[in-house]
Amino acid sequence: MMRLGPAGFPFEAYIAKVLERHGYETRVRTLLRGRCVSHEIDVIAEMLGGDPPARYMIECKYHNRHGIYTGLKEAMYTHARFLDLREGYELGLSERLDGAWLVTNTKFSPEAFSYAECTGMRLLGWSYPPNMSLQRMIERRDLYPVTILKNIRLEEADRLSRMDLVSLNDIAKRSLGELHRVTGIPEERLSIIKMEAESIIRGSSKT
């Protein structure tokens, strides 16, 4: 998870894929108009089946080093954006949002927990909440990111992520020809990457 990219861009796409495999419909990097300003939302996730369906805005905070906390500033920023968008909806400027999530690949600070509990914002971290953390959501659907591959180079992972190919399943289900066509990575390298991805998927299905 620490190799998903210094800008955090692939992390948004990856979170969207994880949520899709858990029953959500998602959109990535959507521009919505609030009462005061417009906001680019990392992920909009909609759980179908309700009347109306529940729709959430999700702010993704990626860190490329262990031990970095997502804190109060990020929590307050996310909630403030949600409030502006909710007021925008009430004025007929935007679509309805039913809540805000803050997602990180590391941990949250105690202040972030307190603020989220007070405002009703949902937090999703690598090991939080314990019964449905990001780690558990990944493991339950075998949604391992391509960056866990030992044989992949960072520039190759970057090319794949730019084409929205961020999980091992994205690699395994496509032919070498298709992967080469959309990424430009040589088929010899793709063959090595694809074989390792398929091996990990087979191994995880036996556990």
C-alpha atoms as a PDB file:
ATOM      1  CA  MET A   1       0.000   0.000   0.000  1.00  0.00           C
ATOM      2  CA  MET A   2       2.947   2.340   0.554  1.00  0.00           C
ATOM      3  CA  ARG A   3       3.813   2.129  -3.175  1.00  0.00           C
ATOM      4  CA  LEU A   4       0.497   3.314  -4.586  1.00  0.00           C
ATOM      5  CA  GLY A   5       2.097   6.567  -5.694  1.00  0.00           C
ATOM      6  CA  PRO A   6       3.408   9.714  -4.041  1.00  0.00           C
ATOM      7  CA  ALA A   7       0.511  11.804  -5.298  1.00  0.00           C
ATOM      8  CA  GLY A   8      -2.070   9.367  -3.973  1.00  0.00           C
ATOM      9  CA  PHE A   9      -3.853   9.340  -7.341  1.00  0.00           C
ATOM     10  CA  PRO A  10      -3.985   5.556  -7.762  1.00  0.00           C
ATOM     11  CA  PHE A  11      -5.181   5.229  -4.151  1.00  0.00           C
ATOM     12  CA  GLU A  12      -8.474   6.886  -5.060  1.00  0.00           C
ATOM     13  CA  ALA A  13      -9.039   4.480  -7.953  1.00  0.00           C
ATOM     14  CA  TYR A  14      -8.048   1.551  -5.771  1.00  0.00           C
ATOM     15  CA  ILE A  15     -10.467   2.527  -2.981  1.00  0.00           C
ATOM     16  CA  ALA A  16     -13.233   2.816  -5.571  1.00  0.00           C
ATOM     17  CA  LYS A  17     -12.536  -0.742  -6.749  1.00  0.00           C
ATOM     18  CA  VAL A  18     -12.553  -2.073  -3.185  1.00  0.00           C
ATOM     19  CA  LEU A  19     -15.922  -0.450  -2.544  1.00  0.00           C
ATOM     20  CA  GLU A  20     -17.334  -1.747  -5.827  1.00  0.00           C
ATOM     21  CA  ARG A  21     -16.517  -5.305  -4.790  1.00  0.00           C
ATOM     22  CA  HIS A  22     -18.414  -4.659  -1.561  1.00  0.00           C
ATOM     23  CA  GLY A  23     -21.625  -3.623  -3.291  1.00  0.00           C
ATOM     24  CA  TYR A  24     -21.166   0.078  -4.013  1.00  0.00           C
ATOM     25  CA  GLU A  25     -21.370   1.914  -7.295  1.00  0.00           C
ATOM     26  CA  THR A  26     -18.583   4.473  -7.489  1.00  0.00           C
ATOM     27  CA  ARG A  27     -17.393   7.530  -9.365  1.00  0.00           C
ATOM     28  CA  VAL A  28     -13.877   8.919  -9.078  1.00  0.00           C
ATOM     29  CA  ARG A  29     -12.799  12.581  -9.098  1.00  0.00           C
ATOM     30  CA  THR A  30     -16.245  14.083  -9.558  1.00  0.00           C
ATOM     31  CA  LEU A  31     -16.723  17.858  -9.513  1.00  0.00           C
ATOM     32  CA  LEU A  32     -19.703  19.000  -7.426  1.00  0.00           C
ATOM     33  CA  ARG A  33     -20.905  22.516  -6.709  1.00  0.00           C
ATOM     34  CA  GLY A  34     -21.383  23.586  -3.116  1.00  0.00           C
ATOM     35  CA  ARG A  35     -23.056  26.706  -1.779  1.00  0.00           C
ATOM     36  CA  CYS A  36     -19.747  28.587  -1.700  1.00  0.00           C
ATOM     37  CA  VAL A  37     -17.355  26.819  -4.077  1.00  0.00           C
ATOM     38  CA  SER A  38     -17.032  23.746  -6.280  1.00  0.00           C
ATOM     39  CA  HIS A  39     -15.271  20.653  -4.928  1.00  0.00           C
ATOM     40  CA  GLU A  40     -13.540  17.750  -6.649  1.00  0.00           C
ATOM     41  CA  ILE A  41     -14.569  14.641  -4.712  1.00  0.00           C
ATOM     42  CA  ASP A  42     -12.109  11.749  -4.624  1.00  0.00           C
ATOM     43  CA  VAL A  43     -14.812   9.061  -4.659  1.00  0.00           C
ATOM     44  CA  ILE A  44     -18.598   9.122  -4.607  1.00  0.00           C
ATOM     45  CA  ALA A  45     -19.972   5.772  -3.429  1.00  0.00           C
ATOM     46  CA  GLU A  46     -23.607   4.776  -3.696  1.00  0.00           C
ATOM     47  CA  MET A  47     -25.137   1.765  -1.980  1.00  0.00           C
ATOM     48  CA  LEU A  48     -28.088   0.696  -4.080  1.00  0.00           C
ATOM     49  CA  GLY A  49     -31.170  -0.981  -2.701  1.00  0.00           C
ATOM     50  CA  GLY A  50     -32.441   1.784  -0.459  1.00  0.00           C
ATOM     51  CA  ASP A  51     -35.191   4.247  -1.311  1.00  0.00           C
ATOM     52  CA  PRO A  52     -33.478   6.516  -2.071  1.00  0.00           C
ATOM     53  CA  PRO A  53     -30.049   4.828  -2.305  1.00  0.00           C
ATOM     54  CA  ALA A  54     -27.439   6.030   0.188  1.00  0.00           C
ATOM     55  CA  ARG A  55     -24.761   8.202  -1.432  1.00  0.00           C
ATOM     56  CA  TYR A  56     -21.492   9.221   0.233  1.00  0.00           C
ATOM     57  CA  MET A  57     -18.605  11.546  -0.531  1.00  0.00           C
ATOM     58  CA  ILE A  58     -15.223  10.019   0.268  1.00  0.00           C
ATOM     59  CA  GLU A  59     -11.996  11.877   0.929  1.00  0.00           C
ATOM     60  CA  CYS A  60      -8.900   9.685   0.428  1.00  0.00           C
ATOM     61  CA  LYS A  61      -5.715  10.488   2.339  1.00  0.00           C
ATOM     62  CA  TYR A  62      -2.702   8.503   1.193  1.00  0.00           C
ATOM     63  CA  HIS A  63       0.616   8.349   3.053  1.00  0.00           C
ATOM     64  CA  ASN A  64       3.743   6.714   1.636  1.00  0.00           C
ATOM     65  CA  ARG A  65       5.335   6.092   5.042  1.00  0.00           C
ATOM     66  CA  HIS A  66       4.205   4.100   8.063  1.00  0.00           C
ATOM     67  CA  GLY A  67       3.544   6.000  11.263  1.00  0.00           C
ATOM     68  CA  ILE A  68       1.941   9.057   9.655  1.00  0.00           C
ATOM     69  CA  TYR A  69      -1.488   9.786  11.084  1.00  0.00           C
ATOM     70  CA  THR A  70      -4.478  11.305   9.334  1.00  0.00           C
ATOM     71  CA  GLY A  71      -5.519  13.908  11.859  1.00  0.00           C
ATOM     72  CA  LEU A  72      -7.968  16.556  12.951  1.00  0.00           C
ATOM     73  CA  LYS A  73      -7.152  18.952  10.098  1.00  0.00           C
ATOM     74  CA  GLU A  74      -8.113  16.368   7.464  1.00  0.00           C
ATOM     75  CA  ALA A  75     -11.251  15.403   9.379  1.00  0.00           C
ATOM     76  CA  MET A  76     -12.405  19.020   9.716  1.00  0.00           C
ATOM     77  CA  TYR A  77     -11.600  19.719   6.055  1.00  0.00           C
ATOM     78  CA  THR A  78     -13.655  16.729   4.912  1.00  0.00           C
ATOM     79  CA  HIS A  79     -16.630  17.668   7.082  1.00  0.00           C
ATOM     80  CA  ALA A  80     -16.521  21.309   5.955  1.00  0.00           C
ATOM     81  CA  ARG A  81     -16.647  20.239   2.312  1.00  0.00           C
ATOM     82  CA  PHE A  82     -19.591  17.964   3.062  1.00  0.00           C
ATOM     83  CA  LEU A  83     -21.489  20.813   4.745  1.00  0.00           C
ATOM     84  CA  ASP A  84     -20.891  23.139   1.784  1.00  0.00           C
ATOM     85  CA  LEU A  85     -22.081  20.465  -0.643  1.00  0.00           C
ATOM     86  CA  ARG A  86     -25.139  19.721   1.467  1.00  0.00           C
ATOM     87  CA  GLU A  87     -26.071  23.398   1.401  1.00  0.00           C
ATOM     88  CA  GLY A  88     -25.443  23.385  -2.336  1.00  0.00           C
ATOM     89  CA  TYR A  89     -27.908  20.522  -2.703  1.00  0.00           C
ATOM     90  CA  GLU A  90     -30.522  22.397  -0.674  1.00  0.00           C
ATOM     91  CA  LEU A  91     -30.139  25.305  -3.104  1.00  0.00           C
ATOM     92  CA  GLY A  92     -30.532  22.998  -6.109  1.00  0.00           C
ATOM     93  CA  LEU A  93     -26.890  23.340  -7.157  1.00  0.00           C
ATOM     94  CA  SER A  94     -25.695  19.789  -6.579  1.00  0.00           C
ATOM     95  CA  GLU A  95     -26.738  16.191  -5.984  1.00  0.00           C
ATOM     96  CA  ARG A  96     -27.738  14.759  -2.625  1.00  0.00           C
ATOM     97  CA  LEU A  97     -25.035  13.380  -0.345  1.00  0.00           C
ATOM     98  CA  ASP A  98     -25.970  11.409   2.756  1.00  0.00           C
ATOM     99  CA  GLY A  99     -22.663  11.472   4.573  1.00  0.00           C
ATOM    100  CA  ALA A 100     -18.911  11.856   4.441  1.00  0.00           C
ATOM    101  CA  TRP A 101     -16.131   9.283   4.801  1.00  0.00           C
ATOM    102  CA  LEU A 102     -12.453   9.841   5.434  1.00  0.00           C
ATOM    103  CA  VAL A 103     -10.286   6.953   4.201  1.00  0.00           C
ATOM    104  CA  THR A 104      -6.569   6.438   4.794  1.00  0.00           C
ATOM    105  CA  ASN A 105      -4.012   3.696   4.250  1.00  0.00           C
ATOM    106  CA  THR A 106      -2.513   4.301   7.705  1.00  0.00           C
ATOM    107  CA  LYS A 107      -4.060   5.380  11.034  1.00  0.00           C
ATOM    108  CA  PHE A 108      -6.147   8.199  12.490  1.00  0.00           C
ATOM    109  CA  SER A 109      -5.176  10.481  15.347  1.00  0.00           C
ATOM    110  CA  PRO A 110      -7.223  10.496  18.585  1.00  0.00           C
ATOM    111  CA  GLU A 111      -8.506  13.973  17.675  1.00  0.00           C
ATOM    112  CA  ALA A 112      -9.732  12.702  14.300  1.00  0.00           C
ATOM    113  CA  PHE A 113     -11.632   9.909  16.052  1.00  0.00           C
ATOM    114  CA  SER A 114     -13.243  12.386  18.454  1.00  0.00           C
ATOM    115  CA  TYR A 115     -14.240  14.782  15.693  1.00  0.00           C
ATOM    116  CA  ALA A 116     -15.663  12.020  13.504  1.00  0.00           C
ATOM    117  CA  GLU A 117     -17.722  10.655  16.388  1.00  0.00           C
ATOM    118  CA  CYS A 118     -19.078  14.132  17.133  1.00  0.00           C
ATOM    119  CA  THR A 119     -20.016  14.925  13.523  1.00  0.00           C
ATOM    120  CA  GLY A 120     -21.128  11.464  12.398  1.00  0.00           C
ATOM    121  CA  MET A 121     -18.392  11.149   9.797  1.00  0.00           C
ATOM    122  CA  ARG A 122     -17.259   7.626   8.963  1.00  0.00           C
ATOM    123  CA  LEU A 123     -13.584   6.702   9.235  1.00  0.00           C
ATOM    124  CA  LEU A 124     -11.976   3.843   7.317  1.00  0.00           C
ATOM    125  CA  GLY A 125      -8.321   3.071   7.987  1.00  0.00           C
ATOM    126  CA  TRP A 126      -5.933   0.194   7.436  1.00  0.00           C
ATOM    127  CA  SER A 127      -6.975  -1.469  10.710  1.00  0.00           C
ATOM    128  CA  TYR A 128     -10.125   0.511  11.581  1.00  0.00           C
ATOM    129  CA  PRO A 129     -12.896  -0.312  12.234  1.00  0.00           C
ATOM    130  CA  PRO A 130     -11.683  -3.728  13.461  1.00  0.00           C
ATOM    131  CA  ASN A 131     -14.568  -5.726  11.983  1.00  0.00           C
ATOM    132  CA  MET A 132     -14.487  -4.036   8.562  1.00  0.00           C
ATOM    133  CA  SER A 133     -11.161  -2.264   8.174  1.00  0.00           C
ATOM    134  CA  LEU A 134      -9.574  -1.507   4.822  1.00  0.00           C
ATOM    135  CA  GLN A 135      -7.278  -4.493   5.300  1.00  0.00           C
ATOM    136  CA  ARG A 136     -10.227  -6.833   5.955  1.00  0.00           C
ATOM    137  CA  MET A 137     -12.176  -5.469   3.000  1.00  0.00           C
ATOM    138  CA  ILE A 138      -9.187  -6.168   0.740  1.00  0.00           C
ATOM    139  CA  GLU A 139      -8.576  -9.665   2.080  1.00  0.00           C
ATOM    140  CA  ARG A 140     -12.229 -10.743   1.952  1.00  0.00           C
ATOM    141  CA  ARG A 141     -12.421 -10.001  -1.783  1.00  0.00           C
ATOM    142  CA  ASP A 142      -8.807 -10.821  -2.754  1.00  0.00           C
ATOM    143  CA  LEU A 143      -8.303  -7.223  -3.870  1.00  0.00           C
ATOM    144  CA  TYR A 144      -4.548  -7.043  -3.477  1.00  0.00           C
ATOM    145  CA  PRO A 145      -2.946  -4.005  -5.177  1.00  0.00           C
ATOM    146  CA  VAL A 146      -0.480  -4.497  -8.016  1.00  0.00           C
ATOM    147  CA  THR A 147       2.193  -2.853  -5.874  1.00  0.00           C
ATOM    148  CA  ILE A 148       2.526  -6.008  -3.732  1.00  0.00           C
ATOM    149  CA  LEU A 149       4.120  -7.777  -6.711  1.00  0.00           C
ATOM    150  CA  LYS A 150       7.825  -8.396  -6.183  1.00  0.00           C
ATOM    151  CA  ASN A 151       8.571  -8.354  -9.909  1.00  0.00           C
ATOM    152  CA  ILE A 152       6.868  -5.086 -10.776  1.00  0.00           C
ATOM    153  CA  ARG A 153       8.822  -1.880 -11.296  1.00  0.00           C
ATOM    154  CA  LEU A 154       7.508   1.423 -10.010  1.00  0.00           C
ATOM    155  CA  GLU A 155       7.210   2.897 -13.506  1.00  0.00           C
ATOM    156  CA  GLU A 156       5.219  -0.181 -14.588  1.00  0.00           C
ATOM    157  CA  ALA A 157       2.871   0.140 -11.616  1.00  0.00           C
ATOM    158  CA  ASP A 158       2.433   3.801 -12.533  1.00  0.00           C
ATOM    159  CA  ARG A 159       1.543   2.968 -16.152  1.00  0.00           C
ATOM    160  CA  LEU A 160      -0.970   0.366 -14.998  1.00  0.00           C
ATOM    161  CA  SER A 161      -2.584   2.705 -12.487  1.00  0.00           C
ATOM    162  CA  ARG A 162      -2.965   5.438 -15.110  1.00  0.00           C
ATOM    163  CA  MET A 163      -5.146   3.006 -17.058  1.00  0.00           C
ATOM    164  CA  ASP A 164      -7.177   2.167 -13.916  1.00  0.00           C
ATOM    165  CA  LEU A 165      -5.455  -1.218 -13.517  1.00  0.00           C
ATOM    166  CA  VAL A 166      -4.713  -1.161  -9.798  1.00  0.00           C
ATOM    167  CA  SER A 167      -5.520  -4.646  -8.458  1.00  0.00           C
ATOM    168  CA  LEU A 168      -4.153  -8.109  -9.213  1.00  0.00           C
ATOM    169  CA  ASN A 169      -7.548  -9.097 -10.603  1.00  0.00           C
ATOM    170  CA  ASP A 170      -7.316  -6.253 -13.122  1.00  0.00           C
ATOM    171  CA  ILE A 171      -4.112  -7.853 -14.438  1.00  0.00           C
ATOM    172  CA  ALA A 172      -5.141 -11.501 -14.247  1.00  0.00           C
ATOM    173  CA  LYS A 173      -8.409 -11.145 -16.174  1.00  0.00           C
ATOM    174  CA  ARG A 174      -6.844  -9.403 -19.185  1.00  0.00           C
ATOM    175  CA  SER A 175      -4.759 -10.851 -21.994  1.00  0.00           C
ATOM    176  CA  LEU A 176      -1.138  -9.879 -22.542  1.00  0.00           C
ATOM    177  CA  GLY A 177      -2.109  -8.234 -25.808  1.00  0.00           C
ATOM    178  CA  GLU A 178      -4.742  -6.044 -24.182  1.00  0.00           C
ATOM    179  CA  LEU A 179      -2.425  -5.073 -21.331  1.00  0.00           C
ATOM    180  CA  HIS A 180       0.336  -4.161 -23.792  1.00  0.00           C
ATOM    181  CA  ARG A 181      -2.056  -2.167 -25.959  1.00  0.00           C
ATOM    182  CA  VAL A 182      -3.355   0.021 -23.120  1.00  0.00           C
ATOM    183  CA  THR A 183      -0.114   0.444 -21.133  1.00  0.00           C
ATOM    184  CA  GLY A 184       2.723   0.168 -23.648  1.00  0.00           C
ATOM    185  CA  ILE A 185       4.617  -2.156 -21.295  1.00  0.00           C
ATOM    186  CA  PRO A 186       6.525  -4.853 -23.252  1.00  0.00           C
ATOM    187  CA  GLU A 187       4.757  -8.217 -23.313  1.00  0.00           C
ATOM    188  CA  GLU A 188       7.851  -9.932 -21.902  1.00  0.00           C
ATOM    189  CA  ARG A 189       7.556  -7.816 -18.753  1.00  0.00           C
ATOM    190  CA  LEU A 190       3.780  -8.168 -18.651  1.00  0.00           C
ATOM    191  CA  SER A 191       4.103 -11.948 -18.807  1.00  0.00           C
ATOM    192  CA  ILE A 192       6.235 -11.927 -15.644  1.00  0.00           C
ATOM    193  CA  ILE A 193       3.845  -9.539 -13.886  1.00  0.00           C
ATOM    194  CA  LYS A 194       0.746 -11.474 -14.932  1.00  0.00           C
ATOM    195  CA  MET A 195       2.192 -14.842 -13.865  1.00  0.00           C
ATOM    196  CA  GLU A 196       3.006 -13.542 -10.389  1.00  0.00           C
ATOM    197  CA  ALA A 197      -0.441 -11.940 -10.049  1.00  0.00           C
ATOM    198  CA  GLU A 198      -2.168 -15.182 -11.024  1.00  0.00           C
ATOM    199  CA  SER A 199       0.020 -17.149  -8.607  1.00  0.00           C
ATOM    200  CA  ILE A 200      -0.910 -14.901  -5.674  1.00  0.00           C
ATOM    201  CA  ILE A 201      -4.614 -15.082  -6.537  1.00  0.00           C
ATOM    202  CA  ARG A 202      -4.484 -18.891  -6.726  1.00  0.00           C
ATOM    203  CA  GLY A 203      -2.656 -19.050  -3.409  1.00  0.00           C
ATOM    204  CA  SER A 204      -5.110 -16.755  -1.642  1.00  0.00           C
ATOM    205  CA  SER A 205      -8.093 -18.784  -2.874  1.00  0.00           C
ATOM    206  CA  LYS A 206      -6.714 -21.873  -1.127  1.00  0.00           C
ATOM    207  CA  THR A 207      -6.488 -20.228   2.297  1.00  0.00           C
END
